[in-house]
Amino acid sequence: MKKRTLATMIGMFSGLALSTALVAGTDFATLDVNQDGSISAEEAAADPEISKNWSSIDKDENGMVDAAEFSAFEGMGGETTEAPAEAK
């Protein structure tokens, strides 16, 4: 009985940890696969939200997102600051 309870609890906590990671999004260290301190567009492809907003996140337009740029994006709740295109 104790083994079954323990196995159930482990399964529940594993699921909770996974769902928390999915909600929180991918962190900088995970995306920076080669650990050079920046995220390239290729590395960012692992996170659709980062990839979709690449031009807004890469503020200095050097083709890389550093920790400060990533943190600024995360601090905005993962939302871009680009104004919508005006209708003509």
C-alpha atoms as a PDB file:
ATOM      1  CA  MET A   1       0.000   0.000   0.000  1.00  0.00           C
ATOM      2  CA  LYS A   2       2.774   2.449   0.874  1.00  0.00           C
ATOM      3  CA  LYS A   3       4.565   1.777  -2.431  1.00  0.00           C
ATOM      4  CA  ARG A   4       1.404   2.531  -4.379  1.00  0.00           C
ATOM      5  CA  THR A   5       0.867   5.786  -2.472  1.00  0.00           C
ATOM      6  CA  LEU A   6       4.479   6.807  -2.992  1.00  0.00           C
ATOM      7  CA  ALA A   7       4.294   6.029  -6.721  1.00  0.00           C
ATOM      8  CA  THR A   8       1.079   8.042  -7.025  1.00  0.00           C
ATOM      9  CA  MET A   9       2.593  11.026  -5.236  1.00  0.00           C
ATOM     10  CA  ILE A  10       5.722  10.933  -7.397  1.00  0.00           C
ATOM     11  CA  GLY A  11       3.570  10.850 -10.509  1.00  0.00           C
ATOM     12  CA  MET A  12       1.479  13.776  -9.321  1.00  0.00           C
ATOM     13  CA  PHE A  13       4.487  15.921  -8.460  1.00  0.00           C
ATOM     14  CA  SER A  14       6.179  15.078 -11.760  1.00  0.00           C
ATOM     15  CA  GLY A  15       3.089  16.196 -13.631  1.00  0.00           C
ATOM     16  CA  LEU A  16       2.909  19.383 -11.595  1.00  0.00           C
ATOM     17  CA  ALA A  17       6.545  20.200 -12.309  1.00  0.00           C
ATOM     18  CA  LEU A  18       6.037  19.620 -16.037  1.00  0.00           C
ATOM     19  CA  SER A  19       2.915  21.764 -16.207  1.00  0.00           C
ATOM     20  CA  THR A  20       4.656  24.558 -14.290  1.00  0.00           C
ATOM     21  CA  ALA A  21       7.544  24.493 -16.757  1.00  0.00           C
ATOM     22  CA  LEU A  22       5.145  24.666 -19.693  1.00  0.00           C
ATOM     23  CA  VAL A  23       3.245  27.599 -18.228  1.00  0.00           C
ATOM     24  CA  ALA A  24       6.410  29.485 -17.314  1.00  0.00           C
ATOM     25  CA  GLY A  25       7.851  29.073 -20.802  1.00  0.00           C
ATOM     26  CA  THR A  26      11.379  28.162 -21.701  1.00  0.00           C
ATOM     27  CA  ASP A  27      14.113  29.770 -19.624  1.00  0.00           C
ATOM     28  CA  PHE A  28      17.209  31.517 -20.974  1.00  0.00           C
ATOM     29  CA  ALA A  29      19.673  28.791 -19.952  1.00  0.00           C
ATOM     30  CA  THR A  30      17.619  26.114 -21.691  1.00  0.00           C
ATOM     31  CA  LEU A  31      17.402  28.092 -24.928  1.00  0.00           C
ATOM     32  CA  ASP A  32      21.109  29.024 -24.876  1.00  0.00           C
ATOM     33  CA  VAL A  33      22.112  25.542 -26.006  1.00  0.00           C
ATOM     34  CA  ASN A  34      25.775  26.349 -26.710  1.00  0.00           C
ATOM     35  CA  GLN A  35      26.006  28.404 -23.485  1.00  0.00           C
ATOM     36  CA  ASP A  36      27.636  31.418 -25.131  1.00  0.00           C
ATOM     37  CA  GLY A  37      25.499  33.897 -23.190  1.00  0.00           C
ATOM     38  CA  SER A  38      23.179  34.700 -26.098  1.00  0.00           C
ATOM     39  CA  ILE A  39      20.280  33.026 -27.862  1.00  0.00           C
ATOM     40  CA  SER A  40      20.539  32.777 -31.631  1.00  0.00           C
ATOM     41  CA  ALA A  41      17.501  32.643 -33.916  1.00  0.00           C
ATOM     42  CA  GLU A  42      18.208  28.939 -34.408  1.00  0.00           C
ATOM     43  CA  GLU A  43      18.216  28.317 -30.653  1.00  0.00           C
ATOM     44  CA  ALA A  44      15.062  30.420 -30.243  1.00  0.00           C
ATOM     45  CA  ALA A  45      13.208  28.147 -32.667  1.00  0.00           C
ATOM     46  CA  ALA A  46      12.710  25.777 -29.710  1.00  0.00           C
ATOM     47  CA  ASP A  47      10.245  28.293 -28.202  1.00  0.00           C
ATOM     48  CA  PRO A  48       7.467  29.391 -30.592  1.00  0.00           C
ATOM     49  CA  GLU A  49       6.675  32.537 -28.559  1.00  0.00           C
ATOM     50  CA  ILE A  50      10.297  33.730 -28.623  1.00  0.00           C
ATOM     51  CA  SER A  51      10.631  32.866 -32.292  1.00  0.00           C
ATOM     52  CA  LYS A  52       7.379  34.667 -33.190  1.00  0.00           C
ATOM     53  CA  ASN A  53       8.464  37.851 -31.383  1.00  0.00           C
ATOM     54  CA  TRP A  54      12.141  37.736 -32.362  1.00  0.00           C
ATOM     55  CA  SER A  55      12.297  41.211 -33.943  1.00  0.00           C
ATOM     56  CA  SER A  56      10.740  42.783 -30.845  1.00  0.00           C
ATOM     57  CA  ILE A  57      13.002  40.938 -28.414  1.00  0.00           C
ATOM     58  CA  ASP A  58      16.298  41.543 -30.264  1.00  0.00           C
ATOM     59  CA  LYS A  59      16.346  45.264 -29.422  1.00  0.00           C
ATOM     60  CA  ASP A  60      19.874  45.957 -30.717  1.00  0.00           C
ATOM     61  CA  GLU A  61      19.173  43.968 -33.913  1.00  0.00           C
ATOM     62  CA  ASN A  62      22.458  42.059 -33.730  1.00  0.00           C
ATOM     63  CA  GLY A  63      20.818  38.710 -34.469  1.00  0.00           C
ATOM     64  CA  MET A  64      21.262  37.505 -30.886  1.00  0.00           C
ATOM     65  CA  VAL A  65      19.173  37.872 -27.742  1.00  0.00           C
ATOM     66  CA  ASP A  66      21.220  38.426 -24.606  1.00  0.00           C
ATOM     67  CA  ALA A  67      20.053  37.857 -21.041  1.00  0.00           C
ATOM     68  CA  ALA A  68      18.968  41.496 -20.595  1.00  0.00           C
ATOM     69  CA  GLU A  69      16.828  41.457 -23.752  1.00  0.00           C
ATOM     70  CA  PHE A  70      15.321  38.122 -22.745  1.00  0.00           C
ATOM     71  CA  SER A  71      14.573  39.376 -19.220  1.00  0.00           C
ATOM     72  CA  ALA A  72      12.931  42.517 -20.593  1.00  0.00           C
ATOM     73  CA  PHE A  73      10.672  40.368 -22.771  1.00  0.00           C
ATOM     74  CA  GLU A  74       9.856  38.058 -19.861  1.00  0.00           C
ATOM     75  CA  GLY A  75       9.177  41.095 -17.659  1.00  0.00           C
ATOM     76  CA  MET A  76       6.526  42.239 -20.108  1.00  0.00           C
ATOM     77  CA  GLY A  77       4.790  38.919 -19.635  1.00  0.00           C
ATOM     78  CA  GLY A  78       6.079  37.702 -22.982  1.00  0.00           C
ATOM     79  CA  GLU A  79       4.196  40.410 -24.855  1.00  0.00           C
ATOM     80  CA  THR A  80       5.658  42.571 -27.572  1.00  0.00           C
ATOM     81  CA  THR A  81       5.684  46.347 -27.465  1.00  0.00           C
ATOM     82  CA  GLU A  82       5.328  46.845 -31.202  1.00  0.00           C
ATOM     83  CA  ALA A  83       2.443  49.080 -32.176  1.00  0.00           C
ATOM     84  CA  PRO A  84      -0.098  47.522 -34.518  1.00  0.00           C
ATOM     85  CA  ALA A  85       0.289  48.447 -38.167  1.00  0.00           C
ATOM     86  CA  GLU A  86      -1.879  51.346 -39.232  1.00  0.00           C
ATOM     87  CA  ALA A  87      -4.630  50.693 -41.749  1.00  0.00           C
ATOM     88  CA  LYS A  88      -4.159  52.537 -45.029  1.00  0.00           C
END
